[in-house]
Amino acid sequence: MKATIFSILFAFATTFGFAQSDDKEKVVKVKTSAICEMCKERLERNLGLSKGVKGADLNLDNKVMTVKYNPKKTDEASIKSIIVNTGYDADGMVADQKAHDKLPKCCRKTAAPHSDMKH
């Protein structure tokens, strides 16, 4: 009897534990229109201040933002919305025009690609 109860409790705890680990953190990769270090800093800061985002890192070589987040507090759509509302494209979503127009001229989509220039 004790062995049966222990087996049931163990199976429940194991199943529940695996379900919990899936909900703790997810990762999404989003293609952006970011150009330079200023863009990188702006996007990483805005995402980092957002509820549920645990970390954000923009690779300027391929313009892909990798975001680690808590799925109980945010989701991919919200993350893309933050990027769009910061003034950058996010996958197929086009940047918010007003936010884009507020970016420094060197960070706008029409600017020529540049590297670690100080603006």
PDB file of N, CA and C in Angstrom:
ATOM      1  N   MET A   1       0.827  -1.189   0.000  1.00  0.00           N
ATOM      2  CA  MET A   1       0.000   0.000   0.000  1.00  0.00           C
ATOM      3  C   MET A   1       0.874   1.256   0.000  1.00  0.00           C
ATOM      4  N   LYS A   2       1.887   1.273   0.868  1.00  0.00           N
ATOM      5  CA  LYS A   2       2.778   2.424   0.926  1.00  0.00           C
ATOM      6  C   LYS A   2       3.504   2.606  -0.405  1.00  0.00           C
ATOM      7  N   ALA A   3       3.907   1.512  -1.022  1.00  0.00           N
ATOM      8  CA  ALA A   3       4.612   1.578  -2.304  1.00  0.00           C
ATOM      9  C   ALA A   3       3.706   2.157  -3.389  1.00  0.00           C
ATOM     10  N   THR A   4       2.439   1.807  -3.372  1.00  0.00           N
ATOM     11  CA  THR A   4       1.496   2.312  -4.362  1.00  0.00           C
ATOM     12  C   THR A   4       1.289   3.811  -4.183  1.00  0.00           C
ATOM     13  N   ILE A   5       1.087   4.239  -2.963  1.00  0.00           N
ATOM     14  CA  ILE A   5       0.907   5.666  -2.684  1.00  0.00           C
ATOM     15  C   ILE A   5       2.169   6.428  -3.084  1.00  0.00           C
ATOM     16  N   PHE A   6       3.334   5.877  -2.724  1.00  0.00           N
ATOM     17  CA  PHE A   6       4.593   6.525  -3.078  1.00  0.00           C
ATOM     18  C   PHE A   6       4.725   6.629  -4.601  1.00  0.00           C
ATOM     19  N   SER A   7       4.378   5.570  -5.329  1.00  0.00           N
ATOM     20  CA  SER A   7       4.466   5.575  -6.794  1.00  0.00           C
ATOM     21  C   SER A   7       3.550   6.626  -7.394  1.00  0.00           C
ATOM     22  N   ILE A   8       2.340   6.729  -6.872  1.00  0.00           N
ATOM     23  CA  ILE A   8       1.384   7.722  -7.371  1.00  0.00           C
ATOM     24  C   ILE A   8       1.899   9.130  -7.090  1.00  0.00           C
ATOM     25  N   LEU A   9       2.380   9.370  -5.869  1.00  0.00           N
ATOM     26  CA  LEU A   9       2.908  10.690  -5.519  1.00  0.00           C
ATOM     27  C   LEU A   9       4.127  11.031  -6.365  1.00  0.00           C
ATOM     28  N   PHE A  10       5.003  10.067  -6.582  1.00  0.00           N
ATOM     29  CA  PHE A  10       6.200  10.294  -7.392  1.00  0.00           C
ATOM     30  C   PHE A  10       5.821  10.638  -8.833  1.00  0.00           C
ATOM     31  N   ALA A  11       4.872   9.878  -9.389  1.00  0.00           N
ATOM     32  CA  ALA A  11       4.427  10.128 -10.764  1.00  0.00           C
ATOM     33  C   ALA A  11       3.797  11.515 -10.878  1.00  0.00           C
ATOM     34  N   PHE A  12       2.975  11.896  -9.907  1.00  0.00           N
ATOM     35  CA  PHE A  12       2.348  13.208  -9.903  1.00  0.00           C
ATOM     36  C   PHE A  12       3.385  14.316  -9.793  1.00  0.00           C
ATOM     37  N   ALA A  13       4.321  14.165  -8.871  1.00  0.00           N
ATOM     38  CA  ALA A  13       5.356  15.182  -8.667  1.00  0.00           C
ATOM     39  C   ALA A  13       6.238  15.326  -9.898  1.00  0.00           C
ATOM     40  N   THR A  14       6.569  14.216 -10.520  1.00  0.00           N
ATOM     41  CA  THR A  14       7.408  14.250 -11.711  1.00  0.00           C
ATOM     42  C   THR A  14       6.683  14.933 -12.857  1.00  0.00           C
ATOM     43  N   THR A  15       5.437  14.569 -13.076  1.00  0.00           N
ATOM     44  CA  THR A  15       4.649  15.173 -14.139  1.00  0.00           C
ATOM     45  C   THR A  15       4.440  16.646 -13.882  1.00  0.00           C
ATOM     46  N   PHE A  16       4.077  16.995 -12.671  1.00  0.00           N
ATOM     47  CA  PHE A  16       3.844  18.391 -12.312  1.00  0.00           C
ATOM     48  C   PHE A  16       5.128  19.193 -12.439  1.00  0.00           C
ATOM     49  N   GLY A  17       6.246  18.625 -12.034  1.00  0.00           N
ATOM     50  CA  GLY A  17       7.538  19.294 -12.123  1.00  0.00           C
ATOM     51  C   GLY A  17       7.916  19.608 -13.561  1.00  0.00           C
ATOM     52  N   PHE A  18       7.691  18.663 -14.490  1.00  0.00           N
ATOM     53  CA  PHE A  18       8.009  18.910 -15.893  1.00  0.00           C
ATOM     54  C   PHE A  18       7.102  19.987 -16.467  1.00  0.00           C
ATOM     55  N   ALA A  19       5.856  19.980 -16.100  1.00  0.00           N
ATOM     56  CA  ALA A  19       4.928  20.996 -16.602  1.00  0.00           C
ATOM     57  C   ALA A  19       5.353  22.373 -16.106  1.00  0.00           C
ATOM     58  N   GLN A  20       5.792  22.454 -14.870  1.00  0.00           N
ATOM     59  CA  GLN A  20       6.240  23.715 -14.310  1.00  0.00           C
ATOM     60  C   GLN A  20       7.465  24.251 -15.043  1.00  0.00           C
ATOM     61  N   SER A  21       8.425  23.376 -15.355  1.00  0.00           N
ATOM     62  CA  SER A  21       9.655  23.849 -15.980  1.00  0.00           C
ATOM     63  C   SER A  21       9.400  24.436 -17.367  1.00  0.00           C
ATOM     64  N   ASP A  22       8.398  23.931 -18.096  1.00  0.00           N
ATOM     65  CA  ASP A  22       8.076  24.467 -19.408  1.00  0.00           C
ATOM     66  C   ASP A  22       7.526  25.886 -19.327  1.00  0.00           C
ATOM     67  N   ASP A  23       6.867  26.236 -18.219  1.00  0.00           N
ATOM     68  CA  ASP A  23       6.242  27.539 -18.068  1.00  0.00           C
ATOM     69  C   ASP A  23       7.185  28.609 -17.547  1.00  0.00           C
ATOM     70  N   LYS A  24       8.350  28.238 -17.092  1.00  0.00           N
ATOM     71  CA  LYS A  24       9.227  29.208 -16.444  1.00  0.00           C
ATOM     72  C   LYS A  24       9.909  30.154 -17.413  1.00  0.00           C
ATOM     73  N   GLU A  25      10.373  29.683 -18.543  1.00  0.00           N
ATOM     74  CA  GLU A  25      11.092  30.536 -19.465  1.00  0.00           C
ATOM     75  C   GLU A  25      10.972  30.033 -20.902  1.00  0.00           C
ATOM     76  N   LYS A  26      10.761  30.971 -21.791  1.00  0.00           N
ATOM     77  CA  LYS A  26      10.739  30.663 -23.220  1.00  0.00           C
ATOM     78  C   LYS A  26      11.677  31.633 -23.919  1.00  0.00           C
ATOM     79  N   VAL A  27      12.002  31.302 -25.160  1.00  0.00           N
ATOM     80  CA  VAL A  27      12.878  32.154 -25.965  1.00  0.00           C
ATOM     81  C   VAL A  27      12.215  32.390 -27.318  1.00  0.00           C
ATOM     82  N   VAL A  28      12.258  33.634 -27.765  1.00  0.00           N
ATOM     83  CA  VAL A  28      11.760  33.979 -29.091  1.00  0.00           C
ATOM     84  C   VAL A  28      12.859  34.755 -29.819  1.00  0.00           C
ATOM     85  N   LYS A  29      12.967  34.518 -31.116  1.00  0.00           N
ATOM     86  CA  LYS A  29      13.915  35.245 -31.955  1.00  0.00           C
ATOM     87  C   LYS A  29      13.106  36.064 -32.951  1.00  0.00           C
ATOM     88  N   VAL A  30      13.409  37.370 -33.011  1.00  0.00           N
ATOM     89  CA  VAL A  30      12.648  38.292 -33.842  1.00  0.00           C
ATOM     90  C   VAL A  30      13.606  39.068 -34.745  1.00  0.00           C
ATOM     91  N   LYS A  31      13.352  39.044 -36.036  1.00  0.00           N
ATOM     92  CA  LYS A  31      14.137  39.817 -37.004  1.00  0.00           C
ATOM     93  C   LYS A  31      13.708  41.274 -36.903  1.00  0.00           C
ATOM     94  N   THR A  32      14.686  42.178 -36.760  1.00  0.00           N
ATOM     95  CA  THR A  32      14.399  43.602 -36.604  1.00  0.00           C
ATOM     96  C   THR A  32      15.006  44.408 -37.746  1.00  0.00           C
ATOM     97  N   SER A  33      14.738  45.708 -37.728  1.00  0.00           N
ATOM     98  CA  SER A  33      15.339  46.629 -38.689  1.00  0.00           C
ATOM     99  C   SER A  33      16.434  47.465 -38.037  1.00  0.00           C
ATOM    100  N   ALA A  34      16.915  47.042 -36.875  1.00  0.00           N
ATOM    101  CA  ALA A  34      17.953  47.778 -36.147  1.00  0.00           C
ATOM    102  C   ALA A  34      19.236  47.847 -36.969  1.00  0.00           C
ATOM    103  N   ILE A  35      20.003  48.924 -36.758  1.00  0.00           N
ATOM    104  CA  ILE A  35      21.188  49.158 -37.577  1.00  0.00           C
ATOM    105  C   ILE A  35      22.486  49.161 -36.763  1.00  0.00           C
ATOM    106  N   CYS A  36      22.470  49.796 -35.580  1.00  0.00           N
ATOM    107  CA  CYS A  36      23.735  50.059 -34.888  1.00  0.00           C
ATOM    108  C   CYS A  36      23.652  49.808 -33.383  1.00  0.00           C
ATOM    109  N   GLU A  37      24.723  50.147 -32.701  1.00  0.00           N
ATOM    110  CA  GLU A  37      24.791  49.986 -31.244  1.00  0.00           C
ATOM    111  C   GLU A  37      23.723  50.802 -30.526  1.00  0.00           C
ATOM    112  N   MET A  38      23.416  51.997 -31.039  1.00  0.00           N
ATOM    113  CA  MET A  38      22.362  52.804 -30.406  1.00  0.00           C
ATOM    114  C   MET A  38      21.017  52.084 -30.507  1.00  0.00           C
ATOM    115  N   CYS A  39      20.756  51.496 -31.648  1.00  0.00           N
ATOM    116  CA  CYS A  39      19.519  50.725 -31.835  1.00  0.00           C
ATOM    117  C   CYS A  39      19.500  49.563 -30.839  1.00  0.00           C
ATOM    118  N   LYS A  40      20.612  48.862 -30.765  1.00  0.00           N
ATOM    119  CA  LYS A  40      20.755  47.711 -29.871  1.00  0.00           C
ATOM    120  C   LYS A  40      20.465  48.113 -28.425  1.00  0.00           C
ATOM    121  N   GLU A  41      21.101  49.183 -27.979  1.00  0.00           N
ATOM    122  CA  GLU A  41      20.902  49.655 -26.600  1.00  0.00           C
ATOM    123  C   GLU A  41      19.446  50.035 -26.353  1.00  0.00           C
ATOM    124  N   ARG A  42      18.848  50.735 -27.293  1.00  0.00           N
ATOM    125  CA  ARG A  42      17.458  51.197 -27.146  1.00  0.00           C
ATOM    126  C   ARG A  42      16.500  50.004 -27.050  1.00  0.00           C
ATOM    127  N   LEU A  43      16.642  49.059 -27.957  1.00  0.00           N
ATOM    128  CA  LEU A  43      15.754  47.891 -27.960  1.00  0.00           C
ATOM    129  C   LEU A  43      15.960  47.018 -26.723  1.00  0.00           C
ATOM    130  N   GLU A  44      17.198  46.735 -26.380  1.00  0.00           N
ATOM    131  CA  GLU A  44      17.467  45.891 -25.213  1.00  0.00           C
ATOM    132  C   GLU A  44      16.966  46.550 -23.934  1.00  0.00           C
ATOM    133  N   ARG A  45      17.115  47.874 -23.829  1.00  0.00           N
ATOM    134  CA  ARG A  45      16.629  48.587 -22.639  1.00  0.00           C
ATOM    135  C   ARG A  45      15.105  48.520 -22.568  1.00  0.00           C
ATOM    136  N   ASN A  46      14.426  48.840 -23.670  1.00  0.00           N
ATOM    137  CA  ASN A  46      12.961  48.848 -23.666  1.00  0.00           C
ATOM    138  C   ASN A  46      12.391  47.461 -23.379  1.00  0.00           C
ATOM    139  N   LEU A  47      12.978  46.447 -23.969  1.00  0.00           N
ATOM    140  CA  LEU A  47      12.510  45.087 -23.692  1.00  0.00           C
ATOM    141  C   LEU A  47      12.831  44.686 -22.263  1.00  0.00           C
ATOM    142  N   GLY A  48      14.012  45.054 -21.792  1.00  0.00           N
ATOM    143  CA  GLY A  48      14.418  44.708 -20.425  1.00  0.00           C
ATOM    144  C   GLY A  48      13.533  45.319 -19.360  1.00  0.00           C
ATOM    145  N   LEU A  49      12.926  46.455 -19.671  1.00  0.00           N
ATOM    146  CA  LEU A  49      12.026  47.125 -18.726  1.00  0.00           C
ATOM    147  C   LEU A  49      10.602  46.577 -18.786  1.00  0.00           C
ATOM    148  N   SER A  50      10.352  45.692 -19.705  1.00  0.00           N
ATOM    149  CA  SER A  50       9.007  45.157 -19.902  1.00  0.00           C
ATOM    150  C   SER A  50       8.728  43.985 -18.979  1.00  0.00           C
ATOM    151  N   LYS A  51       7.509  43.939 -18.480  1.00  0.00           N
ATOM    152  CA  LYS A  51       7.089  42.880 -17.576  1.00  0.00           C
ATOM    153  C   LYS A  51       7.226  41.511 -18.238  1.00  0.00           C
ATOM    154  N   GLY A  52       7.889  40.604 -17.538  1.00  0.00           N
ATOM    155  CA  GLY A  52       8.021  39.236 -18.010  1.00  0.00           C
ATOM    156  C   GLY A  52       9.257  38.951 -18.834  1.00  0.00           C
ATOM    157  N   VAL A  53       9.946  40.004 -19.304  1.00  0.00           N
ATOM    158  CA  VAL A  53      11.155  39.798 -20.102  1.00  0.00           C
ATOM    159  C   VAL A  53      12.337  39.600 -19.158  1.00  0.00           C
ATOM    160  N   LYS A  54      13.027  38.482 -19.331  1.00  0.00           N
ATOM    161  CA  LYS A  54      14.164  38.151 -18.469  1.00  0.00           C
ATOM    162  C   LYS A  54      15.488  38.571 -19.087  1.00  0.00           C
ATOM    163  N   GLY A  55      15.522  38.718 -20.404  1.00  0.00           N
ATOM    164  CA  GLY A  55      16.744  39.133 -21.067  1.00  0.00           C
ATOM    165  C   GLY A  55      16.501  39.352 -22.544  1.00  0.00           C
ATOM    166  N   ALA A  56      17.255  40.293 -23.116  1.00  0.00           N
ATOM    167  CA  ALA A  56      17.136  40.592 -24.539  1.00  0.00           C
ATOM    168  C   ALA A  56      18.522  40.875 -25.085  1.00  0.00           C
ATOM    169  N   ASP A  57      18.827  40.288 -26.241  1.00  0.00           N
ATOM    170  CA  ASP A  57      20.132  40.485 -26.856  1.00  0.00           C
ATOM    171  C   ASP A  57      19.957  40.582 -28.365  1.00  0.00           C
ATOM    172  N   LEU A  58      20.413  41.702 -28.921  1.00  0.00           N
ATOM    173  CA  LEU A  58      20.324  41.921 -30.358  1.00  0.00           C
ATOM    174  C   LEU A  58      21.655  41.601 -31.011  1.00  0.00           C
ATOM    175  N   ASN A  59      21.637  40.719 -31.993  1.00  0.00           N
ATOM    176  CA  ASN A  59      22.811  40.414 -32.799  1.00  0.00           C
ATOM    177  C   ASN A  59      22.770  41.358 -33.998  1.00  0.00           C
ATOM    178  N   LEU A  60      23.689  42.318 -34.036  1.00  0.00           N
ATOM    179  CA  LEU A  60      23.681  43.307 -35.111  1.00  0.00           C
ATOM    180  C   LEU A  60      24.092  42.732 -36.464  1.00  0.00           C
ATOM    181  N   ASP A  61      24.795  41.611 -36.462  1.00  0.00           N
ATOM    182  CA  ASP A  61      25.211  41.006 -37.730  1.00  0.00           C
ATOM    183  C   ASP A  61      24.013  40.517 -38.538  1.00  0.00           C
ATOM    184  N   ASN A  62      23.058  39.879 -37.858  1.00  0.00           N
ATOM    185  CA  ASN A  62      21.886  39.365 -38.572  1.00  0.00           C
ATOM    186  C   ASN A  62      20.585  40.092 -38.187  1.00  0.00           C
ATOM    187  N   LYS A  63      20.691  41.078 -37.284  1.00  0.00           N
ATOM    188  CA  LYS A  63      19.564  41.907 -36.833  1.00  0.00           C
ATOM    189  C   LYS A  63      18.485  41.103 -36.118  1.00  0.00           C
ATOM    190  N   VAL A  64      18.868  40.002 -35.492  1.00  0.00           N
ATOM    191  CA  VAL A  64      17.906  39.158 -34.789  1.00  0.00           C
ATOM    192  C   VAL A  64      17.997  39.417 -33.284  1.00  0.00           C
ATOM    193  N   MET A  65      16.840  39.735 -32.703  1.00  0.00           N
ATOM    194  CA  MET A  65      16.722  39.954 -31.263  1.00  0.00           C
ATOM    195  C   MET A  65      16.301  38.643 -30.619  1.00  0.00           C
ATOM    196  N   THR A  66      17.089  38.184 -29.650  1.00  0.00           N
ATOM    197  CA  THR A  66      16.755  36.983 -28.893  1.00  0.00           C
ATOM    198  C   THR A  66      16.232  37.435 -27.541  1.00  0.00           C
ATOM    199  N   VAL A  67      15.019  37.034 -27.217  1.00  0.00           N
ATOM    200  CA  VAL A  67      14.373  37.471 -25.983  1.00  0.00           C
ATOM    201  C   VAL A  67      13.990  36.255 -25.146  1.00  0.00           C
ATOM    202  N   LYS A  68      14.451  36.249 -23.889  1.00  0.00           N
ATOM    203  CA  LYS A  68      14.036  35.226 -22.925  1.00  0.00           C
ATOM    204  C   LYS A  68      12.923  35.845 -22.098  1.00  0.00           C
ATOM    205  N   TYR A  69      11.831  35.084 -21.918  1.00  0.00           N
ATOM    206  CA  TYR A  69      10.695  35.664 -21.208  1.00  0.00           C
ATOM    207  C   TYR A  69       9.918  34.609 -20.421  1.00  0.00           C
ATOM    208  N   ASN A  70       9.131  35.108 -19.477  1.00  0.00           N
ATOM    209  CA  ASN A  70       8.248  34.279 -18.669  1.00  0.00           C
ATOM    210  C   ASN A  70       6.883  34.259 -19.364  1.00  0.00           C
ATOM    211  N   PRO A  71       6.456  33.104 -19.875  1.00  0.00           N
ATOM    212  CA  PRO A  71       5.196  33.044 -20.618  1.00  0.00           C
ATOM    213  C   PRO A  71       3.950  33.307 -19.768  1.00  0.00           C
ATOM    214  N   LYS A  72       4.103  33.305 -18.459  1.00  0.00           N
ATOM    215  CA  LYS A  72       2.960  33.633 -17.599  1.00  0.00           C
ATOM    216  C   LYS A  72       2.760  35.145 -17.519  1.00  0.00           C
ATOM    217  N   LYS A  73       3.783  35.920 -17.912  1.00  0.00           N
ATOM    218  CA  LYS A  73       3.705  37.371 -17.774  1.00  0.00           C
ATOM    219  C   LYS A  73       3.693  38.121 -19.104  1.00  0.00           C
ATOM    220  N   THR A  74       4.139  37.480 -20.177  1.00  0.00           N
ATOM    221  CA  THR A  74       4.137  38.124 -21.487  1.00  0.00           C
ATOM    222  C   THR A  74       4.117  37.057 -22.564  1.00  0.00           C
ATOM    223  N   ASP A  75       4.047  37.481 -23.816  1.00  0.00           N
ATOM    224  CA  ASP A  75       4.031  36.527 -24.925  1.00  0.00           C
ATOM    225  C   ASP A  75       4.753  37.117 -26.133  1.00  0.00           C
ATOM    226  N   GLU A  76       4.877  36.315 -27.187  1.00  0.00           N
ATOM    227  CA  GLU A  76       5.604  36.748 -28.389  1.00  0.00           C
ATOM    228  C   GLU A  76       4.971  37.987 -29.016  1.00  0.00           C
ATOM    229  N   ALA A  77       3.660  38.036 -29.059  1.00  0.00           N
ATOM    230  CA  ALA A  77       2.974  39.189 -29.661  1.00  0.00           C
ATOM    231  C   ALA A  77       3.297  40.476 -28.902  1.00  0.00           C
ATOM    232  N   SER A  78       3.334  40.407 -27.587  1.00  0.00           N
ATOM    233  CA  SER A  78       3.653  41.592 -26.778  1.00  0.00           C
ATOM    234  C   SER A  78       5.094  42.027 -26.996  1.00  0.00           C
ATOM    235  N   ILE A  79       5.987  41.065 -27.119  1.00  0.00           N
ATOM    236  CA  ILE A  79       7.404  41.368 -27.346  1.00  0.00           C
ATOM    237  C   ILE A  79       7.572  42.058 -28.698  1.00  0.00           C
ATOM    238  N   LYS A  80       6.926  41.532 -29.722  1.00  0.00           N
ATOM    239  CA  LYS A  80       6.996  42.154 -31.048  1.00  0.00           C
ATOM    240  C   LYS A  80       6.376  43.546 -31.021  1.00  0.00           C
ATOM    241  N   SER A  81       5.322  43.706 -30.262  1.00  0.00           N
ATOM    242  CA  SER A  81       4.664  45.010 -30.138  1.00  0.00           C
ATOM    243  C   SER A  81       5.607  46.039 -29.513  1.00  0.00           C
ATOM    244  N   ILE A  82       6.385  45.636 -28.529  1.00  0.00           N
ATOM    245  CA  ILE A  82       7.356  46.541 -27.901  1.00  0.00           C
ATOM    246  C   ILE A  82       8.385  46.986 -28.935  1.00  0.00           C
ATOM    247  N   ILE A  83       8.869  46.044 -29.730  1.00  0.00           N
ATOM    248  CA  ILE A  83       9.855  46.371 -30.763  1.00  0.00           C
ATOM    249  C   ILE A  83       9.257  47.351 -31.772  1.00  0.00           C
ATOM    250  N   VAL A  84       8.045  47.070 -32.235  1.00  0.00           N
ATOM    251  CA  VAL A  84       7.354  47.927 -33.202  1.00  0.00           C
ATOM    252  C   VAL A  84       7.117  49.316 -32.615  1.00  0.00           C
ATOM    253  N   ASN A  85       6.694  49.380 -31.359  1.00  0.00           N
ATOM    254  CA  ASN A  85       6.408  50.663 -30.714  1.00  0.00           C
ATOM    255  C   ASN A  85       7.672  51.426 -30.322  1.00  0.00           C
ATOM    256  N   THR A  86       8.816  50.768 -30.402  1.00  0.00           N
ATOM    257  CA  THR A  86      10.099  51.444 -30.188  1.00  0.00           C
ATOM    258  C   THR A  86      10.566  52.080 -31.499  1.00  0.00           C
ATOM    259  N   GLY A  87       9.983  51.664 -32.617  1.00  0.00           N
ATOM    260  CA  GLY A  87      10.296  52.268 -33.900  1.00  0.00           C
ATOM    261  C   GLY A  87      10.984  51.356 -34.893  1.00  0.00           C
ATOM    262  N   TYR A  88      10.999  50.059 -34.608  1.00  0.00           N
ATOM    263  CA  TYR A  88      11.684  49.100 -35.467  1.00  0.00           C
ATOM    264  C   TYR A  88      10.713  48.043 -35.983  1.00  0.00           C
ATOM    265  N   ASP A  89      11.018  47.483 -37.144  1.00  0.00           N
ATOM    266  CA  ASP A  89      10.246  46.364 -37.667  1.00  0.00           C
ATOM    267  C   ASP A  89      10.498  45.138 -36.791  1.00  0.00           C
ATOM    268  N   ALA A  90       9.507  44.269 -36.700  1.00  0.00           N
ATOM    269  CA  ALA A  90       9.619  43.029 -35.930  1.00  0.00           C
ATOM    270  C   ALA A  90       9.025  41.907 -36.760  1.00  0.00           C
ATOM    271  N   ASP A  91       9.889  41.077 -37.326  1.00  0.00           N
ATOM    272  CA  ASP A  91       9.471  40.038 -38.265  1.00  0.00           C
ATOM    273  C   ASP A  91       8.664  40.718 -39.374  1.00  0.00           C
ATOM    274  N   GLY A  92       7.442  40.348 -39.584  1.00  0.00           N
ATOM    275  CA  GLY A  92       6.645  40.935 -40.658  1.00  0.00           C
ATOM    276  C   GLY A  92       5.909  42.207 -40.266  1.00  0.00           C
ATOM    277  N   MET A  93       6.000  42.592 -39.005  1.00  0.00           N
ATOM    278  CA  MET A  93       5.290  43.781 -38.532  1.00  0.00           C
ATOM    279  C   MET A  93       6.115  45.038 -38.823  1.00  0.00           C
ATOM    280  N   VAL A  94       5.462  46.059 -39.342  1.00  0.00           N
ATOM    281  CA  VAL A  94       6.143  47.306 -39.673  1.00  0.00           C
ATOM    282  C   VAL A  94       6.187  48.213 -38.455  1.00  0.00           C
ATOM    283  N   ALA A  95       7.297  48.916 -38.309  1.00  0.00           N
ATOM    284  CA  ALA A  95       7.493  49.827 -37.177  1.00  0.00           C
ATOM    285  C   ALA A  95       6.389  50.879 -37.109  1.00  0.00           C
ATOM    286  N   ASP A  96       6.036  51.262 -35.887  1.00  0.00           N
ATOM    287  CA  ASP A  96       5.110  52.363 -35.677  1.00  0.00           C
ATOM    288  C   ASP A  96       5.749  53.619 -36.272  1.00  0.00           C
ATOM    289  N   GLN A  97       5.046  54.297 -37.159  1.00  0.00           N
ATOM    290  CA  GLN A  97       5.627  55.424 -37.894  1.00  0.00           C
ATOM    291  C   GLN A  97       6.045  56.564 -36.968  1.00  0.00           C
ATOM    292  N   LYS A  98       5.222  56.911 -35.992  1.00  0.00           N
ATOM    293  CA  LYS A  98       5.565  58.010 -35.078  1.00  0.00           C
ATOM    294  C   LYS A  98       6.812  57.671 -34.268  1.00  0.00           C
ATOM    295  N   ALA A  99       6.887  56.427 -33.777  1.00  0.00           N
ATOM    296  CA  ALA A  99       8.064  56.008 -33.008  1.00  0.00           C
ATOM    297  C   ALA A  99       9.293  55.981 -33.904  1.00  0.00           C
ATOM    298  N   HIS A 100       9.145  55.499 -35.127  1.00  0.00           N
ATOM    299  CA  HIS A 100      10.265  55.458 -36.076  1.00  0.00           C
ATOM    300  C   HIS A 100      10.776  56.867 -36.362  1.00  0.00           C
ATOM    301  N   ASP A 101       9.866  57.817 -36.547  1.00  0.00           N
ATOM    302  CA  ASP A 101      10.254  59.194 -36.860  1.00  0.00           C
ATOM    303  C   ASP A 101      10.962  59.877 -35.696  1.00  0.00           C
ATOM    304  N   LYS A 102      10.773  59.380 -34.481  1.00  0.00           N
ATOM    305  CA  LYS A 102      11.442  59.947 -33.307  1.00  0.00           C
ATOM    306  C   LYS A 102      12.856  59.393 -33.119  1.00  0.00           C
ATOM    307  N   LEU A 103      13.182  58.316 -33.843  1.00  0.00           N
ATOM    308  CA  LEU A 103      14.529  57.750 -33.736  1.00  0.00           C
ATOM    309  C   LEU A 103      15.542  58.749 -34.295  1.00  0.00           C
ATOM    310  N   PRO A 104      16.792  58.696 -33.805  1.00  0.00           N
ATOM    311  CA  PRO A 104      17.830  59.525 -34.439  1.00  0.00           C
ATOM    312  C   PRO A 104      17.885  59.181 -35.934  1.00  0.00           C
ATOM    313  N   LYS A 105      18.211  60.144 -36.775  1.00  0.00           N
ATOM    314  CA  LYS A 105      18.217  59.921 -38.227  1.00  0.00           C
ATOM    315  C   LYS A 105      19.095  58.748 -38.623  1.00  0.00           C
ATOM    316  N   CYS A 106      20.174  58.536 -37.899  1.00  0.00           N
ATOM    317  CA  CYS A 106      21.087  57.446 -38.242  1.00  0.00           C
ATOM    318  C   CYS A 106      20.509  56.071 -37.900  1.00  0.00           C
ATOM    319  N   CYS A 107      19.421  56.010 -37.137  1.00  0.00           N
ATOM    320  CA  CYS A 107      18.816  54.734 -36.734  1.00  0.00           C
ATOM    321  C   CYS A 107      17.553  54.400 -37.529  1.00  0.00           C
ATOM    322  N   ARG A 108      17.173  55.264 -38.431  1.00  0.00           N
ATOM    323  CA  ARG A 108      15.975  55.016 -39.236  1.00  0.00           C
ATOM    324  C   ARG A 108      16.269  54.033 -40.355  1.00  0.00           C
ATOM    325  N   LYS A 109      15.241  53.386 -40.846  1.00  0.00           N
ATOM    326  CA  LYS A 109      15.402  52.365 -41.886  1.00  0.00           C
ATOM    327  C   LYS A 109      16.082  52.893 -43.144  1.00  0.00           C
ATOM    328  N   THR A 110      15.937  54.177 -43.419  1.00  0.00           N
ATOM    329  CA  THR A 110      16.529  54.753 -44.620  1.00  0.00           C
ATOM    330  C   THR A 110      18.014  55.063 -44.446  1.00  0.00           C
ATOM    331  N   ALA A 111      18.526  54.975 -43.229  1.00  0.00           N
ATOM    332  CA  ALA A 111      19.939  55.268 -42.973  1.00  0.00           C
ATOM    333  C   ALA A 111      20.813  54.144 -43.513  1.00  0.00           C
ATOM    334  N   ALA A 112      22.005  54.509 -43.932  1.00  0.00           N
ATOM    335  CA  ALA A 112      22.961  53.503 -44.400  1.00  0.00           C
ATOM    336  C   ALA A 112      23.441  52.690 -43.206  1.00  0.00           C
ATOM    337  N   PRO A 113      23.626  51.392 -43.386  1.00  0.00           N
ATOM    338  CA  PRO A 113      24.141  50.570 -42.286  1.00  0.00           C
ATOM    339  C   PRO A 113      25.487  51.099 -41.798  1.00  0.00           C
ATOM    340  N   HIS A 114      25.661  51.116 -40.500  1.00  0.00           N
ATOM    341  CA  HIS A 114      26.912  51.553 -39.907  1.00  0.00           C
ATOM    342  C   HIS A 114      27.190  50.722 -38.678  1.00  0.00           C
ATOM    343  N   SER A 115      28.409  50.735 -38.225  1.00  0.00           N
ATOM    344  CA  SER A 115      28.770  49.878 -37.086  1.00  0.00           C
ATOM    345  C   SER A 115      28.842  50.678 -35.808  1.00  0.00           C
ATOM    346  N   ASP A 116      29.891  50.555 -35.070  1.00  0.00           N
ATOM    347  CA  ASP A 116      29.998  51.120 -33.724  1.00  0.00           C
ATOM    348  C   ASP A 116      30.274  52.617 -33.713  1.00  0.00           C
ATOM    349  N   MET A 117      29.703  53.341 -34.625  1.00  0.00           N
ATOM    350  CA  MET A 117      29.881  54.787 -34.637  1.00  0.00           C
ATOM    351  C   MET A 117      29.248  55.384 -33.384  1.00  0.00           C
ATOM    352  N   LYS A 118      29.872  56.376 -32.844  1.00  0.00           N
ATOM    353  CA  LYS A 118      29.256  57.143 -31.752  1.00  0.00           C
ATOM    354  C   LYS A 118      28.452  58.258 -32.399  1.00  0.00           C
ATOM    355  N   HIS A 119      27.187  58.370 -32.022  1.00  0.00           N
ATOM    356  CA  HIS A 119      26.308  59.353 -32.662  1.00  0.00           C
ATOM    357  C   HIS A 119      26.285  60.608 -31.867  1.00  0.00           C
TER     358      HIS A 119
END
